[in-house]
C-alpha atoms as a PDB file:
ATOM      1  CA  MET A   1       0.000   0.000   0.000  1.00  0.00           C
ATOM      2  CA  ASP A   2       1.211   3.511  -0.787  1.00  0.00           C
ATOM      3  CA  PRO A   3       2.136   5.782   2.090  1.00  0.00           C
ATOM      4  CA  MET A   4      -0.858   7.677   3.367  1.00  0.00           C
ATOM      5  CA  TYR A   5       0.337  10.995   1.950  1.00  0.00           C
ATOM      6  CA  TYR A   6       0.208   9.571  -1.594  1.00  0.00           C
ATOM      7  CA  ARG A   7      -3.329   8.219  -1.269  1.00  0.00           C
ATOM      8  CA  PRO A   8      -6.302  10.163  -2.637  1.00  0.00           C
ATOM      9  CA  ALA A   9      -8.351  12.053  -0.081  1.00  0.00           C
ATOM     10  CA  ALA A  10     -11.416  10.019  -1.082  1.00  0.00           C
ATOM     11  CA  GLU A  11      -9.639   6.829   0.038  1.00  0.00           C
ATOM     12  CA  LEU A  12      -8.677   8.387   3.357  1.00  0.00           C
ATOM     13  CA  VAL A  13     -12.269   9.476   3.913  1.00  0.00           C
ATOM     14  CA  SER A  14     -13.482   5.979   3.095  1.00  0.00           C
ATOM     15  CA  ASP A  15     -11.022   4.471   5.577  1.00  0.00           C
ATOM     16  CA  LEU A  16     -12.120   6.962   8.224  1.00  0.00           C
ATOM     17  CA  LYS A  17     -15.761   6.021   7.633  1.00  0.00           C
ATOM     18  CA  ASN A  18     -14.951   2.310   7.796  1.00  0.00           C
ATOM     19  CA  GLY A  19     -12.903   2.643  10.959  1.00  0.00           C
ATOM     20  CA  LYS A  20      -9.653   1.562   9.287  1.00  0.00           C
ATOM     21  CA  LEU A  21      -8.120   4.926  10.185  1.00  0.00           C
ATOM     22  CA  THR A  22      -8.685   7.534  12.862  1.00  0.00           C
ATOM     23  CA  SER A  23      -8.172  11.271  12.745  1.00  0.00           C
ATOM     24  CA  VAL A  24      -5.053  10.720  14.864  1.00  0.00           C
ATOM     25  CA  ASP A  25      -3.634   8.267  12.297  1.00  0.00           C
ATOM     26  CA  VAL A  26      -4.141  10.712   9.457  1.00  0.00           C
ATOM     27  CA  THR A  27      -2.886  13.742  11.364  1.00  0.00           C
ATOM     28  CA  GLN A  28       0.231  11.937  12.606  1.00  0.00           C
ATOM     29  CA  ALA A  29       1.078  10.685   9.121  1.00  0.00           C
ATOM     30  CA  PHE A  30       0.936  14.164   7.648  1.00  0.00           C
ATOM     31  CA  VAL A  31       2.797  15.757  10.555  1.00  0.00           C
ATOM     32  CA  ASP A  32       5.521  13.144  10.109  1.00  0.00           C
ATOM     33  CA  ARG A  33       5.705  13.868   6.381  1.00  0.00           C
ATOM     34  CA  ILE A  34       5.934  17.611   6.980  1.00  0.00           C
ATOM     35  CA  ARG A  35       8.774  17.062   9.454  1.00  0.00           C
ATOM     36  CA  GLN A  36      10.518  14.771   6.956  1.00  0.00           C
ATOM     37  CA  CYS A  37      10.349  17.154   3.981  1.00  0.00           C
ATOM     38  CA  ASN A  38       9.971  20.670   5.262  1.00  0.00           C
ATOM     39  CA  GLY A  39      13.668  21.263   5.913  1.00  0.00           C
ATOM     40  CA  ASP A  40      14.322  20.961   2.189  1.00  0.00           C
ATOM     41  CA  ILE A  41      11.272  22.709   0.774  1.00  0.00           C
ATOM     42  CA  ASN A  42      10.324  25.139   3.576  1.00  0.00           C
ATOM     43  CA  ALA A  43       6.616  24.966   2.674  1.00  0.00           C
ATOM     44  CA  VAL A  44       5.280  25.112   6.244  1.00  0.00           C
ATOM     45  CA  VAL A  45       6.236  28.175   8.244  1.00  0.00           C
ATOM     46  CA  THR A  46       4.787  27.075  11.586  1.00  0.00           C
ATOM     47  CA  LEU A  47       3.984  23.478  12.459  1.00  0.00           C
ATOM     48  CA  ASP A  48       1.772  23.276  15.523  1.00  0.00           C
ATOM     49  CA  GLU A  49       2.087  19.534  15.971  1.00  0.00           C
ATOM     50  CA  THR A  50       0.873  19.532  19.565  1.00  0.00           C
ATOM     51  CA  ASN A  51      -2.320  21.406  18.735  1.00  0.00           C
ATOM     52  CA  ALA A  52      -3.017  19.377  15.582  1.00  0.00           C
ATOM     53  CA  LEU A  53      -2.643  16.058  17.372  1.00  0.00           C
ATOM     54  CA  GLY A  54      -4.570  17.354  20.367  1.00  0.00           C
ATOM     55  CA  LYS A  55      -7.517  18.242  18.159  1.00  0.00           C
ATOM     56  CA  ALA A  56      -7.308  14.858  16.430  1.00  0.00           C
ATOM     57  CA  ARG A  57      -7.370  13.115  19.830  1.00  0.00           C
ATOM     58  CA  ALA A  58     -10.306  15.267  20.910  1.00  0.00           C
ATOM     59  CA  CYS A  59     -12.201  14.006  17.875  1.00  0.00           C
ATOM     60  CA  LEU A  60     -11.742  10.458  19.113  1.00  0.00           C
ATOM     61  CA  LEU A  61     -13.199  11.418  22.486  1.00  0.00           C
ATOM     62  CA  TYR A  62     -15.988  13.489  20.940  1.00  0.00           C
ATOM     63  CA  THR A  63     -17.214  10.953  18.428  1.00  0.00           C
ATOM     64  CA  SER A  64     -18.785   7.615  19.163  1.00  0.00           C
ATOM     65  CA  ASP A  65     -18.289   5.939  15.797  1.00  0.00           C
ATOM     66  CA  ALA A  66     -15.782   6.107  12.975  1.00  0.00           C
ATOM     67  CA  ALA A  67     -18.122   7.936  10.574  1.00  0.00           C
ATOM     68  CA  ASP A  68     -18.515  10.794  13.049  1.00  0.00           C
ATOM     69  CA  ASP A  69     -14.720  11.137  13.167  1.00  0.00           C
ATOM     70  CA  LEU A  70     -15.056  12.894   9.796  1.00  0.00           C
ATOM     71  CA  LEU A  71     -16.648  15.853  11.566  1.00  0.00           C
ATOM     72  CA  CYS A  72     -13.283  16.687  13.054  1.00  0.00           C
ATOM     73  CA  VAL A  73     -11.107  16.233   9.975  1.00  0.00           C
END
């Protein structure tokens, strides 16, 4: 399977709906990719990793099923 950052958004949404992924999974994957590449391309000025992951975790607490997790993405 391709790394998450190469997958179409529609696939990620489908996996969120089906419970294969959580908002934390998606957020962490993209934060990791930003950290991996940003030194070379300088595309992200400020990365608020703590806040992004905190909001993703809050979605897990807020929602009761995987489909509702989309509300927080």
